[in-house]
C-alpha atoms as a PDB file:
ATOM      1  CA  MET A   1       3.714   7.747  10.164  1.00  0.00           C
ATOM      2  CA  LEU A   2       6.825   8.087   8.023  1.00  0.00           C
ATOM      3  CA  LYS A   3       7.556  11.571   6.732  1.00  0.00           C
ATOM      4  CA  VAL A   4       7.402  12.512   3.081  1.00  0.00           C
ATOM      5  CA  GLY A   5      10.937  12.801   1.690  1.00  0.00           C
ATOM      6  CA  THR A   6      12.418   9.977   3.763  1.00  0.00           C
ATOM      7  CA  GLN A   7      13.796   6.728   2.417  1.00  0.00           C
ATOM      8  CA  ALA A   8      11.191   3.961   2.543  1.00  0.00           C
ATOM      9  CA  PRO A   9      12.397   1.114   4.741  1.00  0.00           C
ATOM     10  CA  ASP A  10      13.327  -1.932   2.704  1.00  0.00           C
ATOM     11  CA  PHE A  11      11.698  -5.244   3.559  1.00  0.00           C
ATOM     12  CA  GLU A  12      11.520  -8.826   2.409  1.00  0.00           C
ATOM     13  CA  THR A  13       8.331 -10.825   2.646  1.00  0.00           C
ATOM     14  CA  VAL A  14       6.159 -13.346   0.849  1.00  0.00           C
ATOM     15  CA  LEU A  15       3.132 -12.238  -1.165  1.00  0.00           C
ATOM     16  CA  ASP A  16      -0.269 -13.891  -0.828  1.00  0.00           C
ATOM     17  CA  ASP A  17       0.515 -16.233  -3.748  1.00  0.00           C
ATOM     18  CA  GLY A  18       3.742 -17.447  -2.123  1.00  0.00           C
ATOM     19  CA  THR A  19       6.075 -15.315  -4.268  1.00  0.00           C
ATOM     20  CA  PRO A  20       9.088 -13.880  -2.421  1.00  0.00           C
ATOM     21  CA  PHE A  21       9.192 -10.087  -2.551  1.00  0.00           C
ATOM     22  CA  ARG A  22      11.769  -7.433  -1.679  1.00  0.00           C
ATOM     23  CA  LEU A  23      10.835  -3.753  -1.983  1.00  0.00           C
ATOM     24  CA  SER A  24      14.344  -2.726  -3.085  1.00  0.00           C
ATOM     25  CA  ASP A  25      14.040  -5.002  -6.148  1.00  0.00           C
ATOM     26  CA  LEU A  26      11.654  -2.400  -7.596  1.00  0.00           C
ATOM     27  CA  ARG A  27      14.122   0.502  -7.264  1.00  0.00           C
ATOM     28  CA  GLY A  28      14.688   2.223 -10.567  1.00  0.00           C
ATOM     29  CA  GLU A  29      11.807   0.233 -12.059  1.00  0.00           C
ATOM     30  CA  ARG A  30       8.450   0.985 -10.426  1.00  0.00           C
ATOM     31  CA  ASN A  31       6.713   3.365  -8.086  1.00  0.00           C
ATOM     32  CA  VAL A  32       4.839   1.639  -5.255  1.00  0.00           C
ATOM     33  CA  VAL A  33       1.523   2.355  -3.583  1.00  0.00           C
ATOM     34  CA  LEU A  34       1.787   0.580  -0.222  1.00  0.00           C
ATOM     35  CA  TYR A  35      -1.440   0.659   1.715  1.00  0.00           C
ATOM     36  CA  PHE A  36      -2.060  -0.675   5.207  1.00  0.00           C
ATOM     37  CA  TYR A  37      -5.604  -1.612   6.217  1.00  0.00           C
ATOM     38  CA  PRO A  38      -7.118  -3.223   9.327  1.00  0.00           C
ATOM     39  CA  ALA A  39      -8.770  -6.451   8.133  1.00  0.00           C
ATOM     40  CA  ASP A  40     -10.127  -8.444   5.198  1.00  0.00           C
ATOM     41  CA  PHE A  41     -13.903  -8.701   4.712  1.00  0.00           C
ATOM     42  CA  THR A  42     -14.885  -5.625   6.744  1.00  0.00           C
ATOM     43  CA  GLY A  43     -17.011  -2.920   5.187  1.00  0.00           C
ATOM     44  CA  GLY A  44     -14.458  -0.100   5.131  1.00  0.00           C
ATOM     45  CA  CYS A  45     -11.562  -2.316   4.142  1.00  0.00           C
ATOM     46  CA  THR A  46     -13.563  -3.875   1.319  1.00  0.00           C
ATOM     47  CA  ALA A  47     -14.510  -0.434   0.009  1.00  0.00           C
ATOM     48  CA  GLU A  48     -10.871   0.691   0.202  1.00  0.00           C
ATOM     49  CA  ALA A  49      -9.553  -2.450  -1.499  1.00  0.00           C
ATOM     50  CA  CYS A  50     -12.141  -2.163  -4.267  1.00  0.00           C
ATOM     51  CA  SER A  51     -11.323   1.513  -4.833  1.00  0.00           C
ATOM     52  CA  PHE A  52      -7.690   0.469  -5.383  1.00  0.00           C
ATOM     53  CA  ARG A  53      -8.907  -2.339  -7.654  1.00  0.00           C
ATOM     54  CA  ASP A  54     -10.931   0.167  -9.691  1.00  0.00           C
ATOM     55  CA  SER A  55      -7.860   2.449  -9.954  1.00  0.00           C
ATOM     56  CA  ASP A  56      -5.367  -0.319 -10.723  1.00  0.00           C
ATOM     57  CA  ALA A  57      -5.089   0.317 -14.476  1.00  0.00           C
ATOM     58  CA  VAL A  58      -4.529   4.058 -13.981  1.00  0.00           C
ATOM     59  CA  ILE A  59      -1.997   3.411 -11.218  1.00  0.00           C
ATOM     60  CA  ARG A  60      -0.147   0.939 -13.444  1.00  0.00           C
ATOM     61  CA  ALA A  61      -0.078   3.575 -16.189  1.00  0.00           C
ATOM     62  CA  HIS A  62       2.063   5.660 -13.817  1.00  0.00           C
ATOM     63  CA  ASP A  63       4.686   2.876 -13.594  1.00  0.00           C
ATOM     64  CA  ALA A  64       3.364   1.901 -10.194  1.00  0.00           C
ATOM     65  CA  MET A  65       2.165  -1.209  -8.464  1.00  0.00           C
ATOM     66  CA  ILE A  66      -0.231  -1.541  -5.553  1.00  0.00           C
ATOM     67  CA  LEU A  67       0.594  -3.613  -2.477  1.00  0.00           C
ATOM     68  CA  GLY A  68      -1.941  -4.091   0.310  1.00  0.00           C
ATOM     69  CA  VAL A  69      -0.871  -5.034   3.858  1.00  0.00           C
ATOM     70  CA  SER A  70      -2.892  -6.299   6.789  1.00  0.00           C
ATOM     71  CA  GLY A  71      -2.463  -8.633   9.735  1.00  0.00           C
ATOM     72  CA  ASP A  72      -4.695 -11.310   8.229  1.00  0.00           C
ATOM     73  CA  SER A  73      -3.290 -14.633   7.028  1.00  0.00           C
ATOM     74  CA  ALA A  74      -2.294 -15.348   3.438  1.00  0.00           C
ATOM     75  CA  GLU A  75      -5.270 -17.723   3.213  1.00  0.00           C
ATOM     76  CA  SER A  76      -7.644 -14.915   4.230  1.00  0.00           C
ATOM     77  CA  HIS A  77      -5.992 -12.613   1.687  1.00  0.00           C
ATOM     78  CA  ARG A  78      -6.431 -15.137  -1.128  1.00  0.00           C
ATOM     79  CA  ALA A  79     -10.138 -15.535  -0.313  1.00  0.00           C
ATOM     80  CA  PHE A  80     -10.560 -11.752  -0.028  1.00  0.00           C
ATOM     81  CA  LYS A  81      -8.814 -11.225  -3.382  1.00  0.00           C
ATOM     82  CA  ASP A  82     -10.903 -13.923  -5.070  1.00  0.00           C
ATOM     83  CA  GLN A  83     -14.198 -12.605  -3.724  1.00  0.00           C
ATOM     84  CA  HIS A  84     -13.488  -9.016  -4.850  1.00  0.00           C
ATOM     85  CA  ALA A  85     -11.358  -9.678  -7.953  1.00  0.00           C
ATOM     86  CA  LEU A  86      -8.399  -7.740  -6.563  1.00  0.00           C
ATOM     87  CA  PRO A  87      -5.597  -7.715  -9.182  1.00  0.00           C
ATOM     88  CA  TYR A  88      -2.740  -6.707  -6.855  1.00  0.00           C
ATOM     89  CA  PRO A  89      -0.756  -8.582  -4.188  1.00  0.00           C
ATOM     90  CA  ILE A  90      -1.571  -8.450  -0.495  1.00  0.00           C
ATOM     91  CA  ILE A  91       1.042  -9.030   2.188  1.00  0.00           C
ATOM     92  CA  SER A  92       0.248 -10.888   5.380  1.00  0.00           C
ATOM     93  CA  ASP A  93       1.727  -9.029   8.373  1.00  0.00           C
ATOM     94  CA  GLU A  94       0.489 -11.274  11.165  1.00  0.00           C
ATOM     95  CA  GLU A  95       3.365 -10.326  13.484  1.00  0.00           C
ATOM     96  CA  GLY A  96       3.013  -6.585  12.781  1.00  0.00           C
ATOM     97  CA  THR A  97       6.601  -6.276  11.513  1.00  0.00           C
ATOM     98  CA  LEU A  98       5.751  -4.074   8.535  1.00  0.00           C
ATOM     99  CA  ARG A  99       3.279  -1.984  10.522  1.00  0.00           C
ATOM    100  CA  ARG A 100       6.033  -1.175  13.024  1.00  0.00           C
ATOM    101  CA  LEU A 101       8.634  -0.576  10.292  1.00  0.00           C
ATOM    102  CA  TYR A 102       6.290   1.853   8.530  1.00  0.00           C
ATOM    103  CA  GLU A 103       4.995   3.450  11.742  1.00  0.00           C
ATOM    104  CA  VAL A 104       1.418   2.345  11.179  1.00  0.00           C
ATOM    105  CA  VAL A 105       0.408   2.825  14.788  1.00  0.00           C
ATOM    106  CA  SER A 106      -2.402   4.400  16.735  1.00  0.00           C
ATOM    107  CA  SER A 107      -2.398   6.073  20.127  1.00  0.00           C
ATOM    108  CA  LEU A 108      -5.567   4.101  20.928  1.00  0.00           C
ATOM    109  CA  PRO A 109      -5.025   0.395  21.613  1.00  0.00           C
ATOM    110  CA  LEU A 110      -7.978  -1.031  19.659  1.00  0.00           C
ATOM    111  CA  ILE A 111      -7.706   1.264  16.625  1.00  0.00           C
ATOM    112  CA  ARG A 112      -5.827  -0.085  13.607  1.00  0.00           C
ATOM    113  CA  PRO A 113      -5.098   2.844  11.313  1.00  0.00           C
ATOM    114  CA  ARG A 114      -5.344   2.992   7.529  1.00  0.00           C
ATOM    115  CA  ILE A 115      -2.203   4.524   6.107  1.00  0.00           C
ATOM    116  CA  THR A 116      -1.063   4.696   2.489  1.00  0.00           C
ATOM    117  CA  TYR A 117       2.427   5.472   1.264  1.00  0.00           C
ATOM    118  CA  VAL A 118       3.455   6.343  -2.272  1.00  0.00           C
ATOM    119  CA  ILE A 119       7.099   5.415  -2.845  1.00  0.00           C
ATOM    120  CA  ASP A 120       8.916   6.608  -5.939  1.00  0.00           C
ATOM    121  CA  LYS A 121      11.331   4.626  -8.089  1.00  0.00           C
ATOM    122  CA  GLN A 122      14.269   5.804  -5.973  1.00  0.00           C
ATOM    123  CA  GLY A 123      12.652   4.433  -2.831  1.00  0.00           C
ATOM    124  CA  ILE A 124      11.657   7.829  -1.414  1.00  0.00           C
ATOM    125  CA  VAL A 125       8.309   8.332   0.331  1.00  0.00           C
ATOM    126  CA  ARG A 126       6.568  10.912  -1.837  1.00  0.00           C
ATOM    127  CA  GLY A 127       3.132  10.649  -0.261  1.00  0.00           C
ATOM    128  CA  ALA A 128       1.871   9.560   3.156  1.00  0.00           C
ATOM    129  CA  PHE A 129      -1.706   9.858   4.280  1.00  0.00           C
ATOM    130  CA  ARG A 130      -4.135   8.479   6.791  1.00  0.00           C
ATOM    131  CA  HIS A 131      -7.884   8.421   6.216  1.00  0.00           C
ATOM    132  CA  ASP A 132      -9.661   6.147   8.670  1.00  0.00           C
ATOM    133  CA  ILE A 133     -13.177   7.059   7.558  1.00  0.00           C
ATOM    134  CA  LEU A 134     -12.831   8.403   4.001  1.00  0.00           C
ATOM    135  CA  VAL A 135     -11.523   5.045   2.796  1.00  0.00           C
ATOM    136  CA  LYS A 136     -11.867   5.684  -0.946  1.00  0.00           C
ATOM    137  CA  LYS A 137      -9.722   8.816  -0.637  1.00  0.00           C
ATOM    138  CA  HIS A 138      -6.588   6.639  -0.382  1.00  0.00           C
ATOM    139  CA  ALA A 139      -6.676   5.648  -4.060  1.00  0.00           C
ATOM    140  CA  LEU A 140      -7.495   9.199  -5.167  1.00  0.00           C
ATOM    141  CA  ASP A 141      -4.645  10.675  -3.111  1.00  0.00           C
ATOM    142  CA  ALA A 142      -2.223   8.017  -4.371  1.00  0.00           C
ATOM    143  CA  LEU A 143      -3.101   8.947  -7.971  1.00  0.00           C
ATOM    144  CA  LYS A 144      -2.495  12.637  -7.261  1.00  0.00           C
ATOM    145  CA  VAL A 145       0.964  11.878  -5.860  1.00  0.00           C
ATOM    146  CA  LEU A 146       1.804   9.636  -8.827  1.00  0.00           C
ATOM    147  CA  GLU A 147       0.798  12.456 -11.176  1.00  0.00           C
ATOM    148  CA  GLN A 148       3.067  14.829  -9.258  1.00  0.00           C
ATOM    149  CA  ILE A 149       5.963  12.371  -9.518  1.00  0.00           C
ATOM    150  CA  GLU A 150       5.418  12.065 -13.261  1.00  0.00           C
ATOM    151  CA  ALA A 151       5.200  15.849 -13.701  1.00  0.00           C
ATOM    152  CA  ALA A 152       8.393  16.547 -11.697  1.00  0.00           C
ATOM    153  CA  PRO A 153      11.521  17.436 -13.676  1.00  0.00           C
ATOM    154  CA  ALA A 154      13.986  14.579 -14.112  1.00  0.00           C
ATOM    155  CA  GLY A 155      16.297  14.118 -11.155  1.00  0.00           C
ATOM    156  CA  ARG A 156      13.794  15.331  -8.560  1.00  0.00           C
END
């Protein structure tokens, strides 16, 4: 897992709707909640995704956007988003490039971890947490970090 205080690795990808995306394009503009989850349509991942959906308006109020990432295809992501009315983009990481870049790894071969990063407007990781069982805690922890970012004196 990346350490808090480090520069978030930049990446270019395509969102589930086909839109090109580069993380660095958000620098100076938006905070980012980047969450990695194992798979669409599973119980835990659905609960996690829906908890982010239910927190979306509050997260947006903190000048932040949510991005989900999993190894499923863009087609699977579109169906998952439609079924659960998810208002945020999901990135398909079928090759595992982003998971490696963001150190979303497990010491056990069949375990795919759930890790969430909160990245500030300067591209610095301000929050990093892993909750494999308490899936709804990701959105709550992300909100706490966003509140801390907002409360910090300018220039910090």
